[in-house]
C-alpha cells in the first residue's frame, strides 16, 4: 500500500520514465513526418518515413538508421550520446534524461541552455 498525499493521486510525483515512454507512444500514433511512417516511432529528423530506432539525448530527436549514421559523423553532433530504443525503454538513461530536460531559470526566466557532463546537471 502507498499512502496518498492530502491532495490525492495528483499529489504523487510523476514517473519521468513513464512520461518519456508515453511521449514516444504519442509520437508513434500521431507521426511527425510528412510521409506515412513504417512501424514504430517516426524519425523526427528526416521526411523519409523511416521508423526511429535511436534517440539523441542532446538533441532530443528520434533517429532512423540513416540519420543515426549521419548524426555520428557530423562534426557538430558526433560527440552526442545516442541510445537505442531498448536502452531508452529499460530506464538505463532515466536519470540522465531527467537531468537534461529543459527547465527555465528561476532568476532569469529563460530556458536553461547548457548541461555539465561532469556534474550531470543543467547549468
N, C-alpha and C. Protein backbone atom coordinates (compact mmCIF):
# COMPACT_ATOMS: atom_id res chain seq x y z
N UNK A 1 0.83 -1.19 0.00
CA UNK A 1 0.00 0.00 0.00
C UNK A 1 0.87 1.25 0.00
N UNK A 2 0.42 2.25 -0.72
CA UNK A 2 1.13 3.52 -0.78
C UNK A 2 0.21 4.59 -0.20
N UNK A 3 0.66 5.27 0.85
CA UNK A 3 -0.18 6.33 1.40
C UNK A 3 -0.26 7.51 0.43
N UNK A 4 -1.45 8.03 0.24
CA UNK A 4 -1.65 9.16 -0.67
C UNK A 4 -1.46 10.48 0.06
N UNK A 5 -0.92 11.48 -0.63
CA UNK A 5 -0.82 12.82 -0.02
C UNK A 5 -2.21 13.42 0.18
N UNK A 6 -2.26 14.56 0.84
CA UNK A 6 -3.54 15.22 1.13
C UNK A 6 -4.36 15.50 -0.12
N UNK A 7 -3.69 15.86 -1.23
CA UNK A 7 -4.43 16.17 -2.46
C UNK A 7 -4.62 14.94 -3.35
N UNK A 8 -4.48 13.76 -2.79
CA UNK A 8 -4.79 12.52 -3.50
C UNK A 8 -3.74 12.13 -4.53
N UNK A 9 -4.20 11.48 -5.59
CA UNK A 9 -3.32 10.97 -6.63
C UNK A 9 -2.54 12.10 -7.30
N UNK A 10 -3.14 13.25 -7.44
CA UNK A 10 -2.46 14.38 -8.08
C UNK A 10 -1.22 14.81 -7.30
N UNK A 11 -1.15 14.48 -6.05
CA UNK A 11 0.00 14.85 -5.23
C UNK A 11 1.19 13.92 -5.37
N UNK A 12 0.98 12.79 -6.03
CA UNK A 12 2.08 11.86 -6.22
C UNK A 12 3.07 12.42 -7.25
N UNK A 13 4.34 12.11 -7.07
CA UNK A 13 5.35 12.56 -8.03
C UNK A 13 5.16 11.80 -9.33
N UNK A 14 5.41 12.48 -10.44
CA UNK A 14 5.29 11.82 -11.74
C UNK A 14 6.52 10.96 -11.99
N UNK A 15 6.32 9.88 -12.71
CA UNK A 15 7.40 8.97 -13.07
C UNK A 15 7.97 9.44 -14.40
N UNK A 16 9.20 9.96 -14.38
CA UNK A 16 9.79 10.54 -15.59
C UNK A 16 9.90 9.53 -16.72
N UNK A 17 10.33 8.31 -16.40
CA UNK A 17 10.50 7.29 -17.44
C UNK A 17 9.17 6.97 -18.10
N UNK A 18 8.13 6.82 -17.30
CA UNK A 18 6.81 6.52 -17.86
C UNK A 18 6.35 7.68 -18.74
N UNK A 19 6.60 8.90 -18.31
CA UNK A 19 6.24 10.07 -19.11
C UNK A 19 6.96 10.11 -20.44
N UNK A 20 8.25 9.77 -20.43
CA UNK A 20 9.04 9.75 -21.66
C UNK A 20 8.53 8.67 -22.61
N UNK A 21 8.23 7.49 -22.06
CA UNK A 21 7.69 6.42 -22.89
C UNK A 21 6.32 6.78 -23.44
N UNK A 22 5.53 7.49 -22.65
CA UNK A 22 4.22 7.95 -23.13
C UNK A 22 4.41 8.92 -24.30
N UNK A 23 5.42 9.76 -24.22
CA UNK A 23 5.72 10.68 -25.32
C UNK A 23 6.11 9.93 -26.58
N UNK A 24 6.88 8.86 -26.42
CA UNK A 24 7.27 8.04 -27.56
C UNK A 24 6.05 7.43 -28.21
N UNK A 25 5.15 6.91 -27.39
CA UNK A 25 3.94 6.29 -27.93
C UNK A 25 3.03 7.30 -28.60
N UNK A 26 2.94 8.51 -28.06
CA UNK A 26 2.13 9.55 -28.68
C UNK A 26 2.70 9.94 -30.04
N UNK A 27 4.02 10.05 -30.13
CA UNK A 27 4.64 10.36 -31.42
C UNK A 27 4.39 9.24 -32.41
N UNK A 28 4.37 8.02 -31.90
CA UNK A 28 4.12 6.87 -32.76
C UNK A 28 2.71 6.94 -33.35
N UNK A 29 1.75 7.30 -32.52
CA UNK A 29 0.37 7.32 -33.01
C UNK A 29 0.07 8.54 -33.89
N UNK A 30 0.72 9.67 -33.61
CA UNK A 30 0.47 10.89 -34.39
C UNK A 30 1.37 10.99 -35.61
N UNK A 31 2.60 10.57 -35.46
CA UNK A 31 3.58 10.72 -36.54
C UNK A 31 4.02 12.17 -36.63
N UNK A 32 5.28 12.40 -36.96
CA UNK A 32 5.80 13.76 -37.08
C UNK A 32 6.42 13.99 -38.45
N UNK A 33 6.21 13.08 -39.37
CA UNK A 33 6.80 13.24 -40.69
C UNK A 33 5.69 13.47 -41.70
N UNK A 34 6.05 13.98 -42.86
CA UNK A 34 5.05 14.26 -43.89
C UNK A 34 4.69 13.00 -44.67
N UNK A 35 5.49 11.95 -44.55
CA UNK A 35 5.21 10.68 -45.19
C UNK A 35 4.73 9.70 -44.14
N UNK A 36 3.88 8.75 -44.52
CA UNK A 36 3.46 7.77 -43.52
C UNK A 36 4.66 6.93 -43.09
N UNK A 37 4.84 6.78 -41.78
CA UNK A 37 5.98 6.01 -41.30
C UNK A 37 5.68 4.53 -41.37
N UNK A 38 6.74 3.76 -41.34
CA UNK A 38 6.59 2.31 -41.29
C UNK A 38 6.15 1.97 -39.87
N UNK A 39 6.70 0.98 -39.25
CA UNK A 39 6.31 0.61 -37.89
C UNK A 39 7.02 1.47 -36.86
N UNK A 40 6.37 1.72 -35.72
CA UNK A 40 7.02 2.36 -34.60
C UNK A 40 7.03 3.87 -34.64
N UNK A 41 7.94 4.44 -33.85
CA UNK A 41 8.09 5.89 -33.73
C UNK A 41 8.77 6.43 -34.98
N UNK A 42 8.22 7.49 -35.58
CA UNK A 42 8.85 8.03 -36.78
C UNK A 42 10.11 8.82 -36.46
N UNK A 43 11.03 8.84 -37.39
CA UNK A 43 12.23 9.67 -37.28
C UNK A 43 11.79 11.12 -37.28
N UNK A 44 12.30 11.91 -36.34
CA UNK A 44 11.92 13.32 -36.25
C UNK A 44 12.91 14.23 -36.97
N UNK A 45 13.91 13.63 -37.64
CA UNK A 45 14.94 14.41 -38.32
C UNK A 45 14.67 14.51 -39.82
N UNK A 46 14.25 13.40 -40.42
CA UNK A 46 14.06 13.39 -41.88
C UNK A 46 12.59 13.14 -42.24
N UNK A 47 12.30 13.26 -43.51
CA UNK A 47 10.94 13.02 -44.01
C UNK A 47 10.87 11.76 -44.87
N UNK A 48 11.74 10.80 -44.60
CA UNK A 48 11.73 9.56 -45.39
C UNK A 48 10.62 8.62 -44.98
N UNK A 49 10.04 8.83 -43.80
CA UNK A 49 9.02 7.94 -43.30
C UNK A 49 9.58 6.73 -42.58
N UNK A 50 10.87 6.76 -42.27
CA UNK A 50 11.52 5.64 -41.59
C UNK A 50 11.17 5.62 -40.11
N UNK A 51 11.13 4.44 -39.55
CA UNK A 51 10.94 4.29 -38.11
C UNK A 51 12.24 4.61 -37.40
N UNK A 52 12.13 5.26 -36.26
CA UNK A 52 13.31 5.57 -35.46
C UNK A 52 13.68 4.36 -34.61
N UNK A 53 14.96 4.18 -34.42
CA UNK A 53 15.45 3.12 -33.54
C UNK A 53 16.44 3.65 -32.53
N UNK A 54 16.67 4.98 -32.61
CA UNK A 54 17.67 5.63 -31.77
C UNK A 54 17.12 6.94 -31.24
N UNK A 55 17.70 7.41 -30.13
CA UNK A 55 17.30 8.68 -29.52
C UNK A 55 18.55 9.42 -29.12
N UNK A 56 18.68 10.68 -29.55
CA UNK A 56 19.82 11.51 -29.16
C UNK A 56 19.46 12.26 -27.88
N UNK A 57 20.22 12.01 -26.83
CA UNK A 57 19.95 12.66 -25.55
C UNK A 57 20.19 14.16 -25.59
N UNK A 58 21.14 14.61 -26.41
CA UNK A 58 21.44 16.04 -26.51
C UNK A 58 20.40 16.79 -27.34
N UNK A 59 20.06 16.24 -28.48
CA UNK A 59 19.13 16.91 -29.41
C UNK A 59 17.66 16.63 -29.08
N UNK A 60 17.41 15.57 -28.33
CA UNK A 60 16.05 15.10 -28.04
C UNK A 60 15.32 14.75 -29.33
N UNK A 61 16.05 14.16 -30.28
CA UNK A 61 15.47 13.73 -31.56
C UNK A 61 15.45 12.21 -31.64
N UNK A 62 14.41 11.71 -32.31
CA UNK A 62 14.30 10.29 -32.61
C UNK A 62 14.92 10.08 -33.99
N UNK A 63 15.86 9.14 -34.11
CA UNK A 63 16.63 8.98 -35.33
C UNK A 63 16.40 7.61 -35.98
N UNK A 64 16.25 7.60 -37.31
CA UNK A 64 16.23 6.34 -38.05
C UNK A 64 17.68 5.90 -38.25
N UNK A 65 17.88 4.75 -38.85
CA UNK A 65 19.24 4.23 -39.06
C UNK A 65 20.09 5.19 -39.89
N UNK A 66 19.50 5.71 -40.96
CA UNK A 66 20.24 6.62 -41.85
C UNK A 66 20.65 7.90 -41.11
N UNK A 67 19.70 8.50 -40.40
CA UNK A 67 20.00 9.74 -39.67
C UNK A 67 20.97 9.49 -38.52
N UNK A 68 20.88 8.33 -37.88
CA UNK A 68 21.81 7.98 -36.81
C UNK A 68 23.24 7.92 -37.34
N UNK A 69 23.43 7.29 -38.49
CA UNK A 69 24.77 7.20 -39.07
C UNK A 69 25.30 8.59 -39.41
N UNK A 70 24.45 9.42 -39.98
CA UNK A 70 24.85 10.80 -40.31
C UNK A 70 25.17 11.58 -39.04
N UNK A 71 24.32 11.43 -38.04
CA UNK A 71 24.47 12.14 -36.76
C UNK A 71 25.81 11.82 -36.11
N UNK A 72 26.26 10.58 -36.27
CA UNK A 72 27.50 10.13 -35.62
C UNK A 72 28.76 10.66 -36.30
N UNK A 73 28.69 11.06 -37.57
CA UNK A 73 29.92 11.56 -38.20
C UNK A 73 29.91 13.05 -38.44
N UNK A 74 28.78 13.73 -38.25
CA UNK A 74 28.76 15.19 -38.38
C UNK A 74 29.56 15.82 -37.23
N UNK A 75 30.37 16.79 -37.57
CA UNK A 75 31.24 17.44 -36.59
C UNK A 75 30.44 18.00 -35.41
N UNK A 76 29.29 18.59 -35.69
CA UNK A 76 28.50 19.24 -34.66
C UNK A 76 27.82 18.24 -33.71
N UNK A 77 27.62 17.00 -34.15
CA UNK A 77 26.87 16.06 -33.31
C UNK A 77 27.58 14.74 -33.02
N UNK A 78 28.80 14.59 -33.50
CA UNK A 78 29.46 13.29 -33.32
C UNK A 78 29.78 12.97 -31.86
N UNK A 79 29.82 13.96 -30.99
CA UNK A 79 30.08 13.70 -29.57
C UNK A 79 28.79 13.48 -28.78
N UNK A 80 27.63 13.58 -29.44
CA UNK A 80 26.36 13.41 -28.75
C UNK A 80 26.17 11.96 -28.30
N UNK A 81 25.44 11.79 -27.24
CA UNK A 81 25.12 10.45 -26.74
C UNK A 81 23.81 10.00 -27.38
N UNK A 82 23.92 8.99 -28.24
CA UNK A 82 22.75 8.42 -28.92
C UNK A 82 22.54 7.03 -28.36
N UNK A 83 21.30 6.74 -27.96
CA UNK A 83 20.98 5.45 -27.35
C UNK A 83 19.94 4.72 -28.19
N UNK A 84 19.91 3.41 -28.05
CA UNK A 84 18.91 2.61 -28.76
C UNK A 84 17.59 2.65 -28.00
N UNK A 85 16.50 2.32 -28.67
CA UNK A 85 15.20 2.29 -28.00
C UNK A 85 15.16 1.29 -26.85
N UNK A 86 15.70 0.06 -27.04
CA UNK A 86 15.68 -0.86 -25.89
C UNK A 86 16.37 -0.27 -24.66
N UNK A 87 17.50 0.42 -24.86
CA UNK A 87 18.18 1.04 -23.72
C UNK A 87 17.35 2.19 -23.14
N UNK A 88 16.72 2.95 -24.00
CA UNK A 88 15.88 4.07 -23.56
C UNK A 88 14.70 3.54 -22.75
N UNK A 89 14.04 2.51 -23.25
CA UNK A 89 12.87 1.95 -22.59
C UNK A 89 13.22 1.21 -21.31
N UNK A 90 14.43 0.72 -21.18
CA UNK A 90 14.84 -0.04 -20.00
C UNK A 90 14.97 0.84 -18.76
N UNK A 91 15.07 2.14 -18.94
CA UNK A 91 15.26 3.04 -17.81
C UNK A 91 16.71 3.30 -17.51
N UNK A 92 17.59 2.72 -18.31
CA UNK A 92 19.04 2.86 -18.12
C UNK A 92 19.49 4.32 -18.12
N UNK A 93 18.79 5.15 -18.89
CA UNK A 93 19.18 6.56 -19.02
C UNK A 93 18.15 7.52 -18.41
N UNK A 94 17.29 7.00 -17.55
CA UNK A 94 16.21 7.82 -16.98
C UNK A 94 16.75 9.02 -16.21
N UNK A 95 17.77 8.83 -15.38
CA UNK A 95 18.29 9.95 -14.59
C UNK A 95 18.97 10.97 -15.49
N UNK A 96 19.65 10.50 -16.53
CA UNK A 96 20.30 11.42 -17.46
C UNK A 96 19.26 12.21 -18.26
N UNK A 97 18.19 11.54 -18.67
CA UNK A 97 17.11 12.23 -19.39
C UNK A 97 16.49 13.30 -18.51
N UNK A 98 16.25 12.96 -17.27
CA UNK A 98 15.66 13.91 -16.33
C UNK A 98 16.57 15.11 -16.15
N UNK A 99 17.86 14.88 -16.02
CA UNK A 99 18.81 15.97 -15.81
C UNK A 99 18.89 16.88 -17.03
N UNK A 100 18.65 16.32 -18.21
CA UNK A 100 18.78 17.10 -19.44
C UNK A 100 17.49 17.77 -19.88
N UNK A 101 16.42 17.53 -19.15
CA UNK A 101 15.16 18.18 -19.50
C UNK A 101 15.36 19.70 -19.47
N UNK A 102 14.68 20.37 -20.37
CA UNK A 102 14.81 21.82 -20.45
C UNK A 102 13.92 22.48 -19.40
N UNK A 103 14.54 23.16 -18.48
CA UNK A 103 13.84 23.89 -17.44
C UNK A 103 14.16 25.37 -17.59
N UNK A 104 13.32 26.20 -17.02
CA UNK A 104 13.58 27.63 -17.07
C UNK A 104 14.32 28.05 -15.81
N UNK A 105 15.23 28.99 -16.02
CA UNK A 105 15.96 29.57 -14.90
C UNK A 105 14.98 30.42 -14.08
N UNK A 106 14.94 30.17 -12.78
CA UNK A 106 14.02 30.91 -11.92
C UNK A 106 14.43 32.37 -11.77
N UNK A 107 15.74 32.65 -11.86
CA UNK A 107 16.23 34.01 -11.70
C UNK A 107 16.09 34.85 -12.96
N UNK A 108 16.27 34.23 -14.14
CA UNK A 108 16.32 34.98 -15.38
C UNK A 108 15.13 34.72 -16.31
N UNK A 109 14.25 33.81 -15.93
CA UNK A 109 13.06 33.48 -16.70
C UNK A 109 13.37 33.14 -18.16
N UNK A 110 14.45 32.41 -18.38
CA UNK A 110 14.78 31.95 -19.72
C UNK A 110 15.18 30.49 -19.64
N UNK A 111 15.12 29.82 -20.79
CA UNK A 111 15.40 28.40 -20.84
C UNK A 111 16.86 28.10 -20.56
N UNK A 112 17.12 27.09 -19.72
CA UNK A 112 18.50 26.64 -19.48
C UNK A 112 19.05 26.08 -20.77
N UNK A 113 20.32 26.40 -21.08
CA UNK A 113 20.88 26.04 -22.37
C UNK A 113 22.08 25.11 -22.30
N UNK A 114 22.68 24.94 -21.13
CA UNK A 114 23.91 24.17 -21.04
C UNK A 114 23.78 23.05 -20.03
N UNK A 115 24.49 21.97 -20.31
CA UNK A 115 24.48 20.79 -19.44
C UNK A 115 25.92 20.42 -19.12
N UNK A 116 26.22 20.23 -17.85
CA UNK A 116 27.58 19.84 -17.44
C UNK A 116 27.65 18.32 -17.42
N UNK A 117 28.48 17.75 -18.32
CA UNK A 117 28.64 16.30 -18.37
C UNK A 117 29.38 15.75 -17.15
N UNK A 118 30.17 16.58 -16.51
CA UNK A 118 30.90 16.16 -15.32
C UNK A 118 29.96 16.06 -14.11
N UNK A 119 29.18 17.09 -13.90
CA UNK A 119 28.26 17.14 -12.74
C UNK A 119 26.91 16.49 -13.02
N UNK A 120 26.63 16.26 -14.31
CA UNK A 120 25.34 15.69 -14.72
C UNK A 120 24.16 16.56 -14.27
N UNK A 121 24.26 17.86 -14.59
CA UNK A 121 23.15 18.77 -14.29
C UNK A 121 23.18 19.97 -15.22
N UNK A 122 22.03 20.61 -15.31
CA UNK A 122 21.90 21.80 -16.14
C UNK A 122 22.57 22.96 -15.44
N UNK A 123 23.30 23.79 -16.23
CA UNK A 123 23.96 24.96 -15.64
C UNK A 123 23.51 26.21 -16.38
